[in-house]
Amino acid sequence: MKILVVYHSLSGQTEKIAKAIYDGCGEAEDHAVTILKLKEVKPDFLKDFDLVFIGAACHDSALTKKAIKFMHKLPVKPDYKVAGFYTHSSMMADGTERNDAMFKQWAGMCTRNFKYFTKNKEWEYLGEFHCMGMPNKLIKGFIHRKIIPDKEEWQDYLKLLESKPPTEEDCNNAKKFAKEIINSMG
């Protein structure tokens, strides 16, 4: 099987997950795996692959504009299957009301972006992976001013960032995700 991992990373967080997915694909049996930055790929290039992982950072609550523009250029009903991934600075949805609401508001559009393209481009979409990425100073300030102004909740968020996401565990989960997607294809 020919597999492509293509990604748009603003600060290196999504690139780290893209490389983990690439590694996970490489650990699967006898597959030709290619990893490229989005700017290195023309949409027509994807036709040579059986499976394409598309990844981007979450920016302004959605996938990056460059990733969305790229996906708009992809054909309807391609021969390849698609899986998605993204990194975000929001809390992870974990079943708690606050974190679930925060994730939905500040990162949930990324999932809706992939669902939109799955429906409108008739992709055979196999699933997605997401995890936290480390926010830059500007984003961190925005989160504190607009999303988490409460001092106690902010301290909890800062403690979470001490792990410097995406963590090694996130990368291992991304590898596992890649293997599960490949295994789902038979």
C-alpha atoms as a PDB file:
ATOM      1  CA  MET A   1       0.000   0.000   0.000  1.00  0.00           C
ATOM      2  CA  LYS A   2       1.204   3.546  -0.759  1.00  0.00           C
ATOM      3  CA  ILE A   3       0.620   5.980   2.096  1.00  0.00           C
ATOM      4  CA  LEU A   4       1.069   9.746   2.224  1.00  0.00           C
ATOM      5  CA  VAL A   5       1.243  11.853   5.389  1.00  0.00           C
ATOM      6  CA  VAL A   6       0.751  15.500   4.424  1.00  0.00           C
ATOM      7  CA  TYR A   7       0.566  18.290   6.983  1.00  0.00           C
ATOM      8  CA  HIS A   8       0.537  22.022   7.637  1.00  0.00           C
ATOM      9  CA  SER A   9       2.284  23.007  10.849  1.00  0.00           C
ATOM     10  CA  LEU A  10       2.560  26.541  12.177  1.00  0.00           C
ATOM     11  CA  SER A  11       4.905  25.991  15.115  1.00  0.00           C
ATOM     12  CA  GLY A  12       6.142  22.408  14.825  1.00  0.00           C
ATOM     13  CA  GLN A  13       3.459  20.795  16.988  1.00  0.00           C
ATOM     14  CA  THR A  14       1.509  19.274  14.106  1.00  0.00           C
ATOM     15  CA  GLU A  15       4.765  18.299  12.411  1.00  0.00           C
ATOM     16  CA  LYS A  16       5.692  16.290  15.511  1.00  0.00           C
ATOM     17  CA  ILE A  17       2.399  14.367  15.269  1.00  0.00           C
ATOM     18  CA  ALA A  18       2.805  13.970  11.489  1.00  0.00           C
ATOM     19  CA  LYS A  19       6.191  12.343  12.060  1.00  0.00           C
ATOM     20  CA  ALA A  20       4.694  10.028  14.688  1.00  0.00           C
ATOM     21  CA  ILE A  21       1.966   8.982  12.236  1.00  0.00           C
ATOM     22  CA  TYR A  22       4.633   8.465   9.585  1.00  0.00           C
ATOM     23  CA  ASP A  23       6.607   6.292  12.031  1.00  0.00           C
ATOM     24  CA  GLY A  24       3.465   4.326  12.901  1.00  0.00           C
ATOM     25  CA  CYS A  25       2.788   3.682   9.218  1.00  0.00           C
ATOM     26  CA  GLY A  26       6.387   2.607   8.739  1.00  0.00           C
ATOM     27  CA  GLU A  27       6.075   0.091  11.565  1.00  0.00           C
ATOM     28  CA  ALA A  28       3.166  -1.559   9.749  1.00  0.00           C
ATOM     29  CA  GLU A  29       3.953  -4.312   7.243  1.00  0.00           C
ATOM     30  CA  ASP A  30       5.510  -3.550   3.842  1.00  0.00           C
ATOM     31  CA  HIS A  31       4.037  -0.177   2.997  1.00  0.00           C
ATOM     32  CA  ALA A  32       5.640   2.659   1.055  1.00  0.00           C
ATOM     33  CA  VAL A  33       5.206   5.735   3.243  1.00  0.00           C
ATOM     34  CA  THR A  34       5.902   9.343   2.252  1.00  0.00           C
ATOM     35  CA  ILE A  35       5.723  12.417   4.489  1.00  0.00           C
ATOM     36  CA  LEU A  36       5.530  15.933   3.040  1.00  0.00           C
ATOM     37  CA  LYS A  37       4.659  19.431   4.135  1.00  0.00           C
ATOM     38  CA  LEU A  38       1.452  20.742   2.602  1.00  0.00           C
ATOM     39  CA  LYS A  39       3.353  23.414   0.661  1.00  0.00           C
ATOM     40  CA  GLU A  40       5.315  20.642  -1.100  1.00  0.00           C
ATOM     41  CA  VAL A  41       2.217  18.896  -2.449  1.00  0.00           C
ATOM     42  CA  LYS A  42      -0.158  19.641  -5.312  1.00  0.00           C
ATOM     43  CA  PRO A  43      -3.620  18.076  -4.905  1.00  0.00           C
ATOM     44  CA  ASP A  44      -3.106  16.014  -8.080  1.00  0.00           C
ATOM     45  CA  PHE A  45      -0.124  14.269  -6.421  1.00  0.00           C
ATOM     46  CA  LEU A  46      -2.451  12.414  -4.036  1.00  0.00           C
ATOM     47  CA  LYS A  47      -3.919  10.231  -6.795  1.00  0.00           C
ATOM     48  CA  ASP A  48      -0.861   7.974  -6.605  1.00  0.00           C
ATOM     49  CA  PHE A  49      -1.644   6.891  -3.032  1.00  0.00           C
ATOM     50  CA  ASP A  50      -4.026   4.411  -1.412  1.00  0.00           C
ATOM     51  CA  LEU A  51      -4.243   6.214   1.925  1.00  0.00           C
ATOM     52  CA  VAL A  52      -3.681   9.889   2.725  1.00  0.00           C
ATOM     53  CA  PHE A  53      -3.337  11.289   6.249  1.00  0.00           C
ATOM     54  CA  ILE A  54      -4.069  15.040   6.200  1.00  0.00           C
ATOM     55  CA  GLY A  55      -3.055  17.129   9.201  1.00  0.00           C
ATOM     56  CA  ALA A  56      -3.065  20.732  10.317  1.00  0.00           C
ATOM     57  CA  ALA A  57      -2.956  22.925  13.350  1.00  0.00           C
ATOM     58  CA  CYS A  58      -6.153  24.272  14.823  1.00  0.00           C
ATOM     59  CA  HIS A  59      -6.171  28.011  14.185  1.00  0.00           C
ATOM     60  CA  ASP A  60      -9.084  30.307  14.985  1.00  0.00           C
ATOM     61  CA  SER A  61     -11.078  27.228  16.114  1.00  0.00           C
ATOM     62  CA  ALA A  62     -10.743  25.482  12.729  1.00  0.00           C
ATOM     63  CA  LEU A  63      -8.078  23.821  10.613  1.00  0.00           C
ATOM     64  CA  THR A  64      -5.589  26.302   9.167  1.00  0.00           C
ATOM     65  CA  LYS A  65      -6.794  28.265   6.161  1.00  0.00           C
ATOM     66  CA  LYS A  66      -4.038  26.737   4.021  1.00  0.00           C
ATOM     67  CA  ALA A  67      -5.205  23.213   4.891  1.00  0.00           C
ATOM     68  CA  ILE A  68      -8.830  24.086   4.125  1.00  0.00           C
ATOM     69  CA  LYS A  69      -7.858  25.705   0.818  1.00  0.00           C
ATOM     70  CA  PHE A  70      -5.864  22.582  -0.075  1.00  0.00           C
ATOM     71  CA  MET A  71      -8.764  20.250   0.759  1.00  0.00           C
ATOM     72  CA  HIS A  72     -11.141  22.341  -1.361  1.00  0.00           C
ATOM     73  CA  LYS A  73      -8.873  21.570  -4.330  1.00  0.00           C
ATOM     74  CA  LEU A  74      -9.061  17.799  -3.801  1.00  0.00           C
ATOM     75  CA  PRO A  75     -11.284  15.828  -6.167  1.00  0.00           C
ATOM     76  CA  VAL A  76     -14.731  14.485  -5.409  1.00  0.00           C
ATOM     77  CA  LYS A  77     -14.737  10.751  -4.698  1.00  0.00           C
ATOM     78  CA  PRO A  78     -10.993  10.156  -4.882  1.00  0.00           C
ATOM     79  CA  ASP A  79      -9.614   6.634  -5.218  1.00  0.00           C
ATOM     80  CA  TYR A  80      -7.594   7.051  -2.035  1.00  0.00           C
ATOM     81  CA  LYS A  81      -8.930   6.841   1.513  1.00  0.00           C
ATOM     82  CA  VAL A  82      -8.438   9.721   3.961  1.00  0.00           C
ATOM     83  CA  ALA A  83      -7.671  10.040   7.668  1.00  0.00           C
ATOM     84  CA  GLY A  84      -7.196  13.332   9.494  1.00  0.00           C
ATOM     85  CA  PHE A  85      -5.206  14.718  12.396  1.00  0.00           C
ATOM     86  CA  TYR A  86      -4.767  18.047  14.144  1.00  0.00           C
ATOM     87  CA  THR A  87      -3.217  19.712  17.172  1.00  0.00           C
ATOM     88  CA  HIS A  88      -4.892  22.401  19.259  1.00  0.00           C
ATOM     89  CA  SER A  89      -4.294  24.454  22.412  1.00  0.00           C
ATOM     90  CA  SER A  90      -7.667  23.719  23.950  1.00  0.00           C
ATOM     91  CA  MET A  91      -8.346  21.389  26.819  1.00  0.00           C
ATOM     92  CA  MET A  92      -9.069  17.846  25.697  1.00  0.00           C
ATOM     93  CA  ALA A  93     -12.701  16.757  25.798  1.00  0.00           C
ATOM     94  CA  ASP A  94     -12.711  14.395  28.760  1.00  0.00           C
ATOM     95  CA  GLY A  95     -16.332  14.021  29.817  1.00  0.00           C
ATOM     96  CA  THR A  96     -16.294  17.019  32.144  1.00  0.00           C
ATOM     97  CA  GLU A  97     -18.774  19.721  31.233  1.00  0.00           C
ATOM     98  CA  ARG A  98     -16.223  22.567  31.177  1.00  0.00           C
ATOM     99  CA  ASN A  99     -13.507  20.786  29.175  1.00  0.00           C
ATOM    100  CA  ASP A 100     -16.015  19.327  26.709  1.00  0.00           C
ATOM    101  CA  ALA A 101     -17.568  22.776  26.136  1.00  0.00           C
ATOM    102  CA  MET A 102     -14.151  24.410  25.801  1.00  0.00           C
ATOM    103  CA  PHE A 103     -12.962  21.797  23.302  1.00  0.00           C
ATOM    104  CA  LYS A 104     -16.176  22.053  21.288  1.00  0.00           C
ATOM    105  CA  GLN A 105     -15.941  25.845  21.128  1.00  0.00           C
ATOM    106  CA  TRP A 106     -12.211  26.211  20.475  1.00  0.00           C
ATOM    107  CA  ALA A 107     -11.181  23.058  18.594  1.00  0.00           C
ATOM    108  CA  GLY A 108     -14.370  21.241  17.610  1.00  0.00           C
ATOM    109  CA  MET A 109     -14.589  23.052  14.283  1.00  0.00           C
ATOM    110  CA  CYS A 110     -11.588  21.024  13.110  1.00  0.00           C
ATOM    111  CA  THR A 111     -13.660  17.843  13.318  1.00  0.00           C
ATOM    112  CA  ARG A 112     -16.503  19.641  11.545  1.00  0.00           C
ATOM    113  CA  ASN A 113     -14.038  20.703   8.810  1.00  0.00           C
ATOM    114  CA  PHE A 114     -13.141  17.062   8.167  1.00  0.00           C
ATOM    115  CA  LYS A 115     -16.836  16.048   8.245  1.00  0.00           C
ATOM    116  CA  TYR A 116     -17.645  18.780   5.722  1.00  0.00           C
ATOM    117  CA  PHE A 117     -15.059  17.511   3.245  1.00  0.00           C
ATOM    118  CA  THR A 118     -16.039  13.896   3.852  1.00  0.00           C
ATOM    119  CA  LYS A 119     -19.614  14.717   2.918  1.00  0.00           C
ATOM    120  CA  ASN A 120     -19.015  17.228   0.123  1.00  0.00           C
ATOM    121  CA  LYS A 121     -16.023  15.503  -1.460  1.00  0.00           C
ATOM    122  CA  GLU A 122     -17.425  12.005  -0.819  1.00  0.00           C
ATOM    123  CA  TRP A 123     -14.262  10.849   0.889  1.00  0.00           C
ATOM    124  CA  GLU A 124     -13.949   7.424   2.377  1.00  0.00           C
ATOM    125  CA  TYR A 125     -12.918   8.896   5.716  1.00  0.00           C
ATOM    126  CA  LEU A 126     -11.370   6.472   8.161  1.00  0.00           C
ATOM    127  CA  GLY A 127     -11.109   8.650  11.268  1.00  0.00           C
ATOM    128  CA  GLU A 128      -9.029  11.312  12.940  1.00  0.00           C
ATOM    129  CA  PHE A 129      -6.552  11.916  15.705  1.00  0.00           C
ATOM    130  CA  HIS A 130      -6.085  15.073  17.738  1.00  0.00           C
ATOM    131  CA  CYS A 131      -4.118  16.168  20.766  1.00  0.00           C
ATOM    132  CA  MET A 132      -2.949  19.289  22.518  1.00  0.00           C
ATOM    133  CA  GLY A 133      -0.053  21.274  21.218  1.00  0.00           C
ATOM    134  CA  MET A 134       1.895  23.890  23.093  1.00  0.00           C
ATOM    135  CA  PRO A 135       0.417  27.370  22.506  1.00  0.00           C
ATOM    136  CA  ASN A 136       2.748  30.168  21.514  1.00  0.00           C
ATOM    137  CA  LYS A 137       2.921  33.292  23.697  1.00  0.00           C
ATOM    138  CA  LEU A 138       0.259  35.142  21.690  1.00  0.00           C
ATOM    139  CA  ILE A 139      -2.207  32.228  21.776  1.00  0.00           C
ATOM    140  CA  LYS A 140      -1.488  31.604  25.439  1.00  0.00           C
ATOM    141  CA  GLY A 141      -2.364  35.239  26.221  1.00  0.00           C
ATOM    142  CA  PHE A 142      -5.564  34.983  24.194  1.00  0.00           C
ATOM    143  CA  ILE A 143      -6.566  31.816  26.022  1.00  0.00           C
ATOM    144  CA  HIS A 144      -6.004  33.495  29.387  1.00  0.00           C
ATOM    145  CA  ARG A 145      -7.910  36.677  28.454  1.00  0.00           C
ATOM    146  CA  LYS A 146     -10.828  35.144  26.536  1.00  0.00           C
ATOM    147  CA  ILE A 147     -11.202  31.475  27.407  1.00  0.00           C
ATOM    148  CA  ILE A 148      -9.755  30.814  30.860  1.00  0.00           C
ATOM    149  CA  PRO A 149      -9.802  34.083  32.829  1.00  0.00           C
ATOM    150  CA  ASP A 150     -10.439  32.292  36.148  1.00  0.00           C
ATOM    151  CA  LYS A 151      -7.172  32.242  38.162  1.00  0.00           C
ATOM    152  CA  GLU A 152      -7.601  28.739  39.575  1.00  0.00           C
ATOM    153  CA  GLU A 153      -8.625  27.239  36.251  1.00  0.00           C
ATOM    154  CA  TRP A 154      -5.717  29.076  34.584  1.00  0.00           C
ATOM    155  CA  GLN A 155      -3.259  27.511  37.026  1.00  0.00           C
ATOM    156  CA  ASP A 156      -4.662  24.066  36.146  1.00  0.00           C
ATOM    157  CA  TYR A 157      -4.146  24.846  32.451  1.00  0.00           C
ATOM    158  CA  LEU A 158      -0.553  25.986  33.081  1.00  0.00           C
ATOM    159  CA  LYS A 159       0.153  22.737  34.960  1.00  0.00           C
ATOM    160  CA  LEU A 160      -1.113  20.837  31.947  1.00  0.00           C
ATOM    161  CA  LEU A 161       1.303  22.775  29.744  1.00  0.00           C
ATOM    162  CA  GLU A 162       4.236  21.743  31.930  1.00  0.00           C
ATOM    163  CA  SER A 163       4.178  18.418  30.084  1.00  0.00           C
ATOM    164  CA  LYS A 164       5.000  20.394  26.895  1.00  0.00           C
ATOM    165  CA  PRO A 165       2.329  18.925  24.609  1.00  0.00           C
ATOM    166  CA  PRO A 166       2.321  17.081  22.325  1.00  0.00           C
ATOM    167  CA  THR A 167       3.837  14.641  24.759  1.00  0.00           C
ATOM    168  CA  GLU A 168       5.596  11.358  24.137  1.00  0.00           C
ATOM    169  CA  GLU A 169       2.307   9.672  25.031  1.00  0.00           C
ATOM    170  CA  ASP A 170       0.523  11.770  22.383  1.00  0.00           C
ATOM    171  CA  CYS A 171       3.117  10.681  19.805  1.00  0.00           C
ATOM    172  CA  ASN A 172       2.705   7.034  20.811  1.00  0.00           C
ATOM    173  CA  ASN A 173      -1.068   7.407  20.496  1.00  0.00           C
ATOM    174  CA  ALA A 174      -0.602   8.956  17.032  1.00  0.00           C
ATOM    175  CA  LYS A 175       1.513   5.945  15.993  1.00  0.00           C
ATOM    176  CA  LYS A 176      -1.159   3.614  17.329  1.00  0.00           C
ATOM    177  CA  PHE A 177      -3.825   5.581  15.432  1.00  0.00           C
ATOM    178  CA  ALA A 178      -1.872   5.176  12.179  1.00  0.00           C
ATOM    179  CA  LYS A 179      -1.571   1.420  12.680  1.00  0.00           C
ATOM    180  CA  GLU A 180      -5.291   1.118  13.482  1.00  0.00           C
ATOM    181  CA  ILE A 181      -6.214   3.035  10.317  1.00  0.00           C
ATOM    182  CA  ILE A 182      -3.977   0.772   8.215  1.00  0.00           C
ATOM    183  CA  ASN A 183      -5.406  -2.345   9.871  1.00  0.00           C
ATOM    184  CA  SER A 184      -8.956  -1.113   9.195  1.00  0.00           C
ATOM    185  CA  MET A 185      -8.177  -1.233   5.477  1.00  0.00           C
ATOM    186  CA  GLY A 186      -7.578  -4.980   5.661  1.00  0.00           C
END
